[in-house]
Protein backbone atom coordinates (compact mmCIF):
# COMPACT_ATOMS: atom_id res chain seq x y z
CA MET A 1 -91.44 -32.48 -143.73
CA LYS A 2 -90.99 -30.39 -146.88
CA GLY A 3 -89.71 -26.95 -146.16
CA SER A 4 -88.92 -27.63 -142.50
CA GLY A 5 -85.15 -28.23 -142.72
CA PRO A 6 -82.23 -26.09 -141.74
CA VAL A 7 -81.80 -24.66 -145.34
CA HIS A 8 -85.36 -23.58 -145.33
CA LEU A 9 -85.27 -22.02 -141.91
CA VAL A 10 -82.18 -19.96 -142.86
CA LYS A 11 -83.85 -18.85 -146.12
CA GLU A 12 -87.00 -17.92 -144.30
CA PHE A 13 -84.85 -15.97 -141.70
CA PHE A 14 -83.27 -13.90 -144.37
CA THR A 15 -86.34 -13.39 -146.60
CA GLY A 16 -89.16 -13.28 -144.00
CA GLY A 17 -90.84 -10.01 -142.93
CA GLY A 18 -90.96 -6.66 -144.85
CA GLU A 19 -88.11 -5.01 -146.80
CA ARG A 20 -86.90 -3.05 -143.77
CA SER A 21 -86.57 -6.19 -141.58
CA VAL A 22 -84.94 -8.24 -144.23
CA LYS A 23 -82.34 -5.45 -144.60
CA VAL A 24 -81.85 -5.30 -140.91
CA LYS A 25 -81.41 -8.97 -140.44
CA ARG A 26 -78.80 -9.36 -143.43
CA HIS A 27 -76.73 -6.33 -142.06
CA ILE A 28 -76.89 -7.76 -138.44
CA VAL A 29 -75.49 -11.18 -139.65
CA TYR A 30 -72.71 -9.52 -141.81
CA SER A 31 -71.89 -7.19 -138.97
CA PHE A 32 -71.57 -10.11 -136.72
CA LEU A 33 -69.09 -11.71 -139.02
CA LEU A 34 -66.96 -8.38 -139.55
CA LYS A 35 -67.09 -7.64 -135.87
CA ALA A 36 -65.89 -11.08 -134.79
CA ALA A 37 -62.98 -10.67 -137.30
CA SER A 38 -62.29 -7.34 -135.88
CA ILE A 39 -62.37 -8.49 -132.38
CA LEU A 40 -60.05 -11.25 -133.18
CA ILE A 41 -57.68 -8.68 -134.68
CA THR A 42 -58.04 -6.53 -131.28
CA PHE A 43 -57.26 -9.82 -129.33
CA LEU A 44 -53.95 -10.23 -131.48
CA LEU A 45 -53.08 -6.42 -131.15
CA VAL A 46 -53.36 -6.46 -127.41
CA PRO A 47 -50.77 -9.00 -126.42
CA LEU A 48 -48.55 -7.81 -129.47
CA THR A 49 -48.54 -4.22 -128.33
CA LEU A 50 -48.33 -5.15 -124.61
CA HIS A 51 -45.24 -7.32 -124.93
CA TYR A 52 -43.76 -4.61 -127.49
CA LEU A 53 -44.48 -1.61 -125.02
CA GLY A 54 -44.37 -3.29 -121.70
CA THR A 55 -47.01 -2.60 -118.86
CA ALA A 56 -46.35 0.88 -118.06
CA ARG A 57 -45.94 2.17 -121.81
CA TYR A 58 -48.88 0.20 -122.76
CA GLY A 59 -50.90 2.09 -120.00
CA ILE A 60 -49.66 5.39 -121.19
CA TRP A 61 -50.91 4.46 -124.72
CA ILE A 62 -54.37 3.57 -123.58
CA THR A 63 -54.63 6.73 -121.38
CA LEU A 64 -53.65 8.81 -124.21
CA SER A 65 -55.96 7.05 -126.68
CA SER A 66 -58.94 7.70 -124.20
CA ILE A 67 -57.92 11.51 -123.99
CA LEU A 68 -57.63 12.00 -127.80
CA GLY A 69 -60.91 10.06 -128.24
CA TRP A 70 -62.62 13.19 -126.77
CA ILE A 71 -61.67 15.25 -129.76
CA GLY A 72 -64.40 13.15 -131.63
CA PHE A 73 -67.11 14.71 -129.59
CA PHE A 74 -66.24 18.23 -130.65
CA ASP A 75 -68.38 17.92 -133.88
CA ILE A 76 -71.34 19.60 -132.21
CA GLY A 77 -73.27 16.57 -132.84
CA LEU A 78 -73.03 17.04 -136.60
CA GLY A 79 -72.36 13.29 -137.19
CA ASN A 80 -75.54 12.08 -135.38
CA GLY A 81 -77.48 14.85 -136.70
CA LEU A 82 -76.50 13.77 -140.25
CA ARG A 83 -77.30 10.25 -139.34
CA ASN A 84 -80.93 11.07 -138.55
CA LYS A 85 -81.37 13.69 -141.18
CA PHE A 86 -79.80 11.72 -143.97
CA ALA A 87 -82.22 8.65 -142.84
CA GLU A 88 -85.21 10.77 -142.97
CA ALA A 89 -84.54 12.32 -146.45
CA MET A 90 -83.89 8.72 -147.64
CA ALA A 91 -87.14 7.47 -146.15
CA ARG A 92 -88.99 10.18 -148.20
CA SER A 93 -86.68 9.48 -151.33
CA ASP A 94 -85.47 13.17 -151.50
CA HIS A 95 -81.99 12.67 -152.85
CA GLY A 96 -81.71 16.54 -153.16
CA LEU A 97 -82.28 17.12 -149.60
CA ALA A 98 -79.82 14.22 -148.78
CA ARG A 99 -77.08 15.90 -150.53
CA LYS A 100 -77.62 19.20 -149.07
CA TYR A 101 -77.19 17.63 -145.59
CA VAL A 102 -74.25 15.73 -146.38
CA SER A 103 -72.53 18.63 -148.15
CA THR A 104 -73.38 20.87 -145.06
CA THR A 105 -72.14 18.28 -142.73
CA TYR A 106 -68.82 17.88 -144.38
CA GLY A 107 -68.22 21.72 -144.64
CA GLY A 108 -69.29 22.14 -140.97
CA MET A 109 -66.94 19.28 -139.80
CA THR A 110 -64.00 20.57 -141.87
CA VAL A 111 -64.31 24.09 -140.33
CA ILE A 112 -64.62 22.72 -136.87
CA PHE A 113 -61.92 20.28 -136.79
CA GLY A 114 -59.54 22.68 -138.88
CA ALA A 115 -60.09 24.93 -135.93
CA ILE A 116 -59.27 22.20 -133.33
CA MET A 117 -56.04 21.43 -135.24
CA LEU A 118 -55.03 25.14 -135.15
CA LEU A 119 -55.94 25.54 -131.57
CA PHE A 120 -53.87 22.38 -130.74
CA PHE A 121 -50.74 23.45 -132.48
CA LEU A 122 -51.03 26.74 -130.64
CA VAL A 123 -51.24 25.33 -127.09
CA ASN A 124 -49.25 22.09 -127.72
CA PRO A 125 -45.86 23.73 -126.98
CA PHE A 126 -47.17 24.69 -123.42
CA LEU A 127 -48.62 21.19 -122.54
CA ASN A 128 -46.58 18.93 -120.27
CA TRP A 129 -47.61 15.57 -121.80
CA ALA A 130 -45.37 13.79 -119.22
CA LYS A 131 -47.37 15.13 -116.24
CA ILE A 132 -50.68 14.86 -118.08
CA LEU A 133 -50.00 11.03 -118.47
CA ASN A 134 -48.20 10.75 -115.19
CA THR A 135 -44.86 9.61 -116.93
CA PRO A 136 -41.24 9.88 -115.83
CA PRO A 137 -39.87 13.31 -117.04
CA GLY A 138 -37.54 11.67 -119.07
CA MET A 139 -40.23 10.54 -121.61
CA GLN A 140 -41.47 14.23 -122.20
CA GLN A 141 -40.15 14.45 -125.69
CA GLU A 142 -41.41 10.94 -126.75
CA VAL A 143 -44.92 11.56 -125.45
CA THR A 144 -45.03 15.02 -126.99
CA ILE A 145 -44.20 13.76 -130.40
CA LEU A 146 -46.71 10.77 -129.83
CA ALA A 147 -49.37 13.13 -128.94
CA THR A 148 -48.76 15.48 -131.90
CA VAL A 149 -48.79 12.79 -134.50
CA VAL A 150 -51.90 10.92 -133.03
CA VAL A 151 -54.00 14.11 -132.60
CA VAL A 152 -53.37 15.10 -136.39
CA PHE A 153 -54.59 11.80 -137.50
CA PHE A 154 -57.52 11.63 -135.10
CA ILE A 155 -58.72 15.00 -136.47
CA ILE A 156 -58.51 13.83 -140.12
CA ARG A 157 -60.27 10.67 -139.14
CA PHE A 158 -63.37 12.31 -137.94
CA VAL A 159 -63.96 14.08 -141.01
CA THR A 160 -63.08 11.39 -143.40
CA GLY A 161 -64.99 8.93 -141.22
CA LEU A 162 -68.39 10.61 -142.35
CA ILE A 163 -68.51 8.25 -145.18
CA SER A 164 -69.07 5.57 -142.41
CA VAL A 165 -71.95 7.57 -140.84
CA ILE A 166 -73.70 7.88 -144.32
CA LEU A 167 -73.46 3.95 -144.79
CA THR A 168 -75.05 3.53 -141.47
CA ALA A 169 -77.62 5.99 -142.09
CA ASP A 170 -78.63 4.29 -145.27
CA GLN A 171 -79.18 1.14 -143.37
CA ARG A 172 -75.85 -0.50 -144.69
CA PRO A 173 -73.98 -0.58 -141.37
CA ALA A 174 -72.21 -3.90 -142.43
CA LEU A 175 -70.29 -1.65 -144.88
CA SER A 176 -69.29 0.63 -142.26
CA GLY A 177 -68.16 -2.52 -140.24
CA LEU A 178 -66.19 -3.55 -143.23
CA LEU A 179 -64.33 -0.28 -143.18
CA THR A 180 -63.56 -0.74 -139.49
CA PHE A 181 -62.32 -4.37 -140.12
CA LEU A 182 -59.92 -3.04 -142.91
CA GLY A 183 -58.64 -0.28 -140.79
CA ASN A 184 -58.02 -2.69 -137.93
CA LEU A 185 -56.31 -5.22 -140.31
CA ALA A 186 -54.15 -2.45 -141.61
CA ALA A 187 -53.21 -1.50 -138.23
CA LEU A 188 -52.39 -5.06 -137.08
CA ALA A 189 -50.01 -5.39 -140.08
CA GLY A 190 -48.31 -2.00 -139.25
CA VAL A 191 -47.91 -3.03 -135.63
CA TYR A 192 -46.65 -6.50 -136.49
CA ILE A 193 -43.80 -5.02 -138.81
CA ILE A 194 -42.84 -2.41 -136.18
CA THR A 195 -42.34 -5.19 -133.51
CA LYS A 196 -39.95 -6.79 -135.90
CA ILE A 197 -37.94 -3.97 -136.90
CA THR A 198 -37.75 -1.46 -133.81
CA GLU A 199 -37.85 -1.65 -130.03
CA GLY A 200 -40.49 -0.18 -127.68
CA SER A 201 -41.38 2.93 -129.37
CA LEU A 202 -44.82 4.62 -128.55
CA VAL A 203 -44.46 6.94 -131.66
CA TYR A 204 -44.17 4.15 -134.03
CA ILE A 205 -47.28 2.38 -132.37
CA GLY A 206 -49.12 5.71 -132.57
CA ILE A 207 -48.44 6.25 -136.07
CA ALA A 208 -49.42 2.50 -137.09
CA LEU A 209 -52.68 2.50 -135.11
CA SER A 210 -53.93 6.02 -135.91
CA ALA A 211 -52.92 6.16 -139.65
CA ALA A 212 -54.34 3.05 -140.64
CA PRO A 213 -58.24 4.03 -140.49
CA VAL A 214 -57.64 7.38 -142.07
CA ILE A 215 -56.22 5.69 -145.15
CA VAL A 216 -59.14 3.11 -145.35
CA TYR A 217 -61.73 6.12 -145.02
CA ILE A 218 -60.19 8.16 -147.66
CA VAL A 219 -60.10 5.37 -150.12
CA ALA A 220 -63.79 4.45 -149.22
CA SER A 221 -64.85 8.03 -149.56
CA VAL A 222 -63.42 8.25 -153.07
CA TRP A 223 -64.89 4.77 -154.00
CA TYR A 224 -68.43 5.31 -152.66
CA PHE A 225 -68.95 9.04 -153.74
CA GLY A 226 -67.81 8.07 -157.11
CA ARG A 227 -70.42 4.99 -157.41
CA ASP A 228 -73.31 4.48 -154.89
CA TYR A 229 -73.60 7.74 -153.42
CA SER A 230 -72.78 9.95 -156.32
CA PHE A 231 -76.13 11.46 -155.98
CA CYS A 232 -75.03 13.16 -152.59
CA ARG A 233 -71.36 13.78 -153.29
CA PRO A 234 -70.45 16.74 -151.15
CA SER A 235 -70.00 20.03 -152.88
CA LEU A 236 -69.54 23.68 -151.59
CA LYS A 237 -72.53 24.52 -153.99
CA PHE A 238 -74.82 22.47 -151.86
CA PHE A 239 -73.69 23.79 -148.41
CA HIS A 240 -76.38 25.76 -146.87
CA ARG A 241 -76.50 27.68 -143.45
CA GLN A 242 -80.08 26.85 -142.82
CA TYR A 243 -79.46 23.28 -143.03
CA LEU A 244 -76.42 23.48 -140.81
CA LYS A 245 -78.93 24.99 -138.12
CA ASP A 246 -81.45 22.04 -138.95
CA LEU A 247 -78.49 19.69 -138.36
CA MET A 248 -77.36 21.33 -135.17
CA SER A 249 -80.87 21.72 -133.59
CA LEU A 250 -80.73 18.19 -133.22
CA GLY A 251 -76.82 17.56 -133.41
CA VAL A 252 -76.22 19.91 -130.27
CA GLN A 253 -78.36 17.80 -128.08
CA PHE A 254 -76.48 14.72 -129.29
CA PHE A 255 -73.33 16.64 -128.86
CA ILE A 256 -74.12 17.37 -125.15
CA ILE A 257 -75.16 13.73 -124.57
CA ASN A 258 -71.84 12.57 -126.25
CA ILE A 259 -69.77 14.84 -123.93
CA ALA A 260 -71.68 13.38 -120.91
CA VAL A 261 -71.16 9.91 -122.15
CA LEU A 262 -67.30 10.84 -122.82
CA VAL A 263 -67.09 11.87 -119.00
CA ILE A 264 -68.83 8.89 -117.73
CA PHE A 265 -67.15 6.13 -120.01
CA THR A 266 -63.62 7.39 -120.98
CA THR A 267 -62.56 9.13 -117.82
CA SER A 268 -62.11 5.87 -116.25
CA ASN A 269 -58.43 5.45 -117.63
CA LEU A 270 -57.37 8.83 -116.63
CA ILE A 271 -58.92 8.69 -112.98
CA ILE A 272 -57.02 5.41 -112.41
CA THR A 273 -53.94 6.73 -113.82
CA GLN A 274 -53.95 9.88 -111.61
CA LEU A 275 -55.15 8.22 -108.45
CA PHE A 276 -52.79 5.17 -108.74
CA SER A 277 -50.49 4.86 -111.76
CA PRO A 278 -50.47 4.00 -115.62
CA ALA A 279 -49.74 0.44 -114.80
CA GLU A 280 -53.05 0.18 -112.96
CA VAL A 281 -54.74 1.00 -116.10
CA THR A 282 -53.95 -2.11 -117.78
CA PRO A 283 -55.57 -4.85 -115.56
CA TYR A 284 -58.84 -2.66 -115.67
CA ASN A 285 -58.60 -2.17 -119.54
CA ILE A 286 -57.88 -5.76 -120.32
CA ALA A 287 -60.90 -6.89 -118.28
CA TYR A 288 -62.96 -4.17 -119.82
CA ARG A 289 -62.03 -5.25 -123.39
CA TYR A 290 -62.96 -8.87 -122.56
CA PHE A 291 -66.46 -8.02 -121.14
CA SER A 292 -66.90 -5.28 -123.94
CA MET A 293 -67.57 -8.12 -126.21
CA ILE A 294 -71.05 -8.35 -124.85
CA THR A 295 -71.64 -4.57 -125.58
CA MET A 296 -70.03 -4.83 -128.96
CA GLY A 297 -72.22 -7.71 -129.89
CA PHE A 298 -75.36 -6.21 -128.69
CA GLU A 299 -74.63 -2.92 -130.71
CA ILE A 300 -74.02 -4.97 -133.74
CA ILE A 301 -77.77 -5.68 -133.63
CA LEU A 302 -78.63 -2.12 -132.29
CA VAL A 303 -76.74 -0.09 -135.02
CA PRO A 304 -78.73 -0.94 -138.07
CA LEU A 305 -82.06 -0.60 -135.86
CA TRP A 306 -81.26 3.18 -135.00
CA THR A 307 -81.97 4.11 -138.75
CA ALA A 308 -84.65 1.38 -139.20
CA PHE A 309 -86.38 2.92 -135.96
CA THR A 310 -86.10 6.43 -137.77
CA ASP A 311 -87.74 4.98 -140.93
CA ALA A 312 -90.49 3.21 -139.14
CA TYR A 313 -91.16 6.13 -137.02
CA VAL A 314 -91.43 8.52 -139.89
CA LYS A 315 -93.57 5.96 -141.68
CA LYS A 316 -95.73 5.41 -138.29
CA ASP A 317 -95.14 1.71 -138.51
CA ILE A 318 -95.72 1.14 -134.73
CA PRO A 319 -96.51 -2.64 -134.99
CA TRP A 320 -92.75 -3.14 -136.38
CA ILE A 321 -91.37 -1.08 -133.64
CA ARG A 322 -93.13 -3.21 -130.93
CA ASN A 323 -92.28 -6.48 -132.46
CA THR A 324 -88.59 -5.29 -132.79
CA ILE A 325 -88.40 -4.11 -129.09
CA ARG A 326 -89.76 -7.48 -127.96
CA TYR A 327 -87.20 -9.23 -129.84
CA LEU A 328 -84.48 -7.15 -128.32
CA LEU A 329 -85.57 -7.88 -124.80
CA PHE A 330 -85.32 -11.47 -125.75
CA VAL A 331 -81.79 -10.88 -126.86
CA TRP A 332 -80.89 -8.99 -123.95
CA GLY A 333 -81.85 -11.80 -121.64
CA GLY A 334 -79.29 -13.88 -123.59
CA MET A 335 -76.75 -11.43 -123.04
CA ILE A 336 -77.24 -11.70 -119.17
CA VAL A 337 -76.44 -15.50 -119.43
CA LEU A 338 -73.36 -14.94 -121.69
CA SER A 339 -72.03 -12.38 -119.42
CA LEU A 340 -72.22 -14.72 -116.39
CA ILE A 341 -70.54 -17.56 -118.48
CA MET A 342 -67.84 -15.04 -119.44
CA LEU A 343 -67.29 -14.21 -115.75
CA ALA A 344 -67.05 -17.99 -114.70
CA PHE A 345 -64.35 -18.60 -117.46
CA SER A 346 -62.58 -14.93 -117.18
CA GLY A 347 -59.47 -16.17 -115.28
CA ILE A 348 -58.77 -19.00 -117.60
CA PHE A 349 -59.23 -16.49 -120.64
CA TYR A 350 -56.96 -13.81 -119.21
CA ARG A 351 -54.05 -16.44 -118.73
CA PHE A 352 -54.49 -17.64 -122.28
CA TRP A 353 -54.85 -14.11 -123.63
CA VAL A 354 -52.05 -12.19 -121.87
CA GLY A 355 -50.27 -14.69 -119.84
CA SER A 356 -49.12 -14.15 -116.37
CA GLU A 357 -47.89 -10.69 -117.01
CA VAL A 358 -50.91 -9.09 -115.64
CA THR A 359 -52.98 -9.94 -112.80
CA ILE A 360 -56.84 -9.04 -112.66
CA PRO A 361 -58.81 -9.43 -109.59
CA PHE A 362 -62.10 -11.32 -109.74
CA SER A 363 -63.84 -8.48 -108.18
CA MET A 364 -62.94 -6.18 -111.20
CA SER A 365 -64.37 -8.87 -113.56
CA ALA A 366 -67.64 -9.35 -111.53
CA LEU A 367 -68.19 -5.48 -111.71
CA LEU A 368 -67.56 -5.31 -115.24
CA ALA A 369 -70.06 -8.20 -116.00
CA GLY A 370 -72.55 -6.25 -114.06
CA TYR A 371 -71.66 -3.07 -116.01
CA VAL A 372 -72.20 -4.58 -119.35
CA ILE A 373 -75.62 -6.13 -118.35
CA LEU A 374 -76.68 -2.48 -117.20
CA ALA A 375 -75.30 -1.06 -120.30
CA THR A 376 -76.86 -3.21 -122.61
CA TRP A 377 -80.12 -2.61 -120.93
CA CYS A 378 -79.70 1.21 -121.34
CA ASN A 379 -78.55 0.97 -125.01
CA LEU A 380 -81.50 -1.12 -125.90
CA TRP A 381 -83.77 1.91 -125.25
CA ALA A 382 -81.45 4.55 -126.16
CA TYR A 383 -81.17 3.47 -129.83
CA PHE A 384 -84.90 3.48 -130.25
CA ILE A 385 -85.08 7.08 -128.54
CA ASN A 386 -82.16 8.21 -130.74
CA GLY A 387 -84.12 7.00 -133.86
CA THR A 388 -87.11 9.17 -132.89
CA GLY A 389 -84.96 12.22 -132.38
CA LYS A 390 -86.94 12.81 -129.04
CA ILE A 391 -83.61 12.98 -126.87
CA ARG A 392 -84.23 15.90 -124.46
CA ILE A 393 -84.81 13.61 -121.42
CA SER A 394 -81.77 11.50 -122.52
CA LEU A 395 -79.83 14.94 -122.50
CA TYR A 396 -80.90 15.81 -118.82
CA ILE A 397 -79.96 12.34 -117.70
CA ALA A 398 -76.55 12.31 -119.29
CA VAL A 399 -75.77 15.80 -117.87
CA PHE A 400 -76.84 14.46 -114.34
CA GLN A 401 -74.53 11.32 -114.74
CA ALA A 402 -71.52 13.34 -115.99
CA VAL A 403 -71.72 15.64 -113.10
CA ALA A 404 -72.13 12.86 -110.54
CA ASN A 405 -69.61 10.24 -112.05
CA ILE A 406 -66.27 11.62 -111.44
CA PRO A 407 -66.44 12.89 -107.74
CA LEU A 408 -68.40 9.69 -107.08
CA ALA A 409 -65.59 7.76 -108.75
CA ILE A 410 -62.69 9.55 -106.80
CA PHE A 411 -64.60 8.87 -103.33
CA LEU A 412 -65.27 5.23 -104.12
CA ALA A 413 -61.67 4.56 -105.47
CA ARG A 414 -59.84 6.68 -102.83
CA ASN A 415 -61.88 7.51 -99.83
CA ALA A 416 -63.84 4.42 -99.62
CA HIS A 417 -60.69 2.39 -100.41
CA LEU A 418 -62.28 0.39 -103.22
CA GLY A 419 -59.37 1.13 -105.69
CA PRO A 420 -60.03 0.94 -109.44
CA GLN A 421 -62.99 -1.33 -108.81
CA GLY A 422 -64.63 1.84 -107.29
CA VAL A 423 -64.21 3.78 -110.61
CA VAL A 424 -66.61 0.85 -112.27
CA LEU A 425 -69.15 1.00 -109.36
CA ALA A 426 -69.48 4.54 -109.65
CA THR A 427 -70.43 4.34 -113.18
CA MET A 428 -72.94 1.57 -112.66
CA ILE A 429 -74.55 3.81 -109.84
CA VAL A 430 -74.96 6.90 -112.22
CA MET A 431 -76.29 4.76 -115.14
CA LEU A 432 -79.27 3.82 -113.07
CA ALA A 433 -81.11 7.02 -113.75
CA GLY A 434 -81.18 6.10 -117.51
CA ALA A 435 -81.95 2.45 -116.96
CA ILE A 436 -85.25 3.55 -115.29
CA LEU A 437 -86.53 6.57 -117.21
CA SER A 438 -85.47 5.53 -120.67
CA PRO A 439 -87.76 2.47 -120.88
CA ILE A 440 -90.67 4.71 -119.49
CA GLN A 441 -90.12 7.16 -122.22
CA SER A 442 -89.92 4.48 -124.75
CA ILE A 443 -93.25 3.20 -124.01
CA LYS A 444 -94.92 6.42 -123.89
CA ILE A 445 -93.50 7.09 -127.53
CA ILE A 446 -94.85 3.95 -128.74
CA GLU A 447 -98.33 4.39 -127.15
CA GLY A 448 -98.56 7.97 -128.50
CA LYS A 449 -98.77 9.26 -125.02
CA ASP A 450 -95.38 11.28 -125.19
CA SER A 451 -96.86 14.67 -124.30
CA GLY A 452 -94.76 17.43 -122.79
CA LEU A 453 -91.03 16.84 -122.10
CA TRP A 454 -91.47 13.08 -122.82
CA GLY A 455 -91.97 13.92 -126.56
CA LYS A 456 -89.17 16.42 -127.00
């Protein structure tokens, strides 16, 4: 039948629906391809780095990476504030306002991260990194140099990486994904060269993995601000305090939520290190990376929808929002099935991926499969709520989760004798609050019944 073949169906998928839907679908497909390539690079990096450093040193690197990742949350939420405000300005075609938001964010971020770098150099001589990372005293000099180098690149990264926020806010997340892919590719090339010419150096690995994305972001910033985004090129002339307050009124709430999420999701490596040893981090981290393909895949769909939800909510396109959430619920059902399939084949995959060097208990894999199912459910509603900017309840939920997570994780892991698996179980338990309340708030927003706290 004419017009019913595969080519026609593909064409209809990419061209069907309104302009917003077409843009979202195209960027989802492009993002999947780029993320698949990035995941492949990650899978190549893990055994390459693991075999180069060994299990204990690899655990040290993972733990340090988790700690340094905390730095990114000290932008007082300006990155997420810019994401929403830039999207709102573009929805109203107000390029002048967009430039003021961009310039103010760059200025604010430079001051914040400049202060963090200065503070780090002041306190670093007094930090015992060997004790923080639970390493032998003989590694003190190596891990101190590693921490210094990596912190500097991390700080620069969070300022230069704002170009990625702008691309995402402009409903072009695939281009943001391209920058991530190029950074990962450069890191892989650097690590491969290092493994051929050096032996077991944490410092060299740190330089390769942390410098690569910074270089990519700097080149991308020069490129895009000279072309596509010349209309919003950051300039001190367009820095305004009142817009900083505007960004921070929403951004501070995102900041607190991010800090809470940080405590919930990135302290696991540190808790396992302190309660057990850095070597115990490796099995957990490898299993986590395997199952995180589910959350990464789902987030590829969700990332362009955050800004699309903002655009639709500003323009009061409620039917589009309803249809999109129905579609997301269908996709989430598929994620459940995929998680169970991955669990069934997890042992085979681990042996293929890292060989017999690391043993991962099935109970750890089962818990992480349950964790990603719960996490994707929470994210489905969180991205819609974030897009509307009505995040007060999310803030309260996140603070409760952060306060409860660490003591519960320690109790289950040590006192209840569940080991590292107890850390995962604790995270799942505290996530239940968001899993219940977020969909209730979302439905109230869609139906226009978000009075009181539900609408803040």
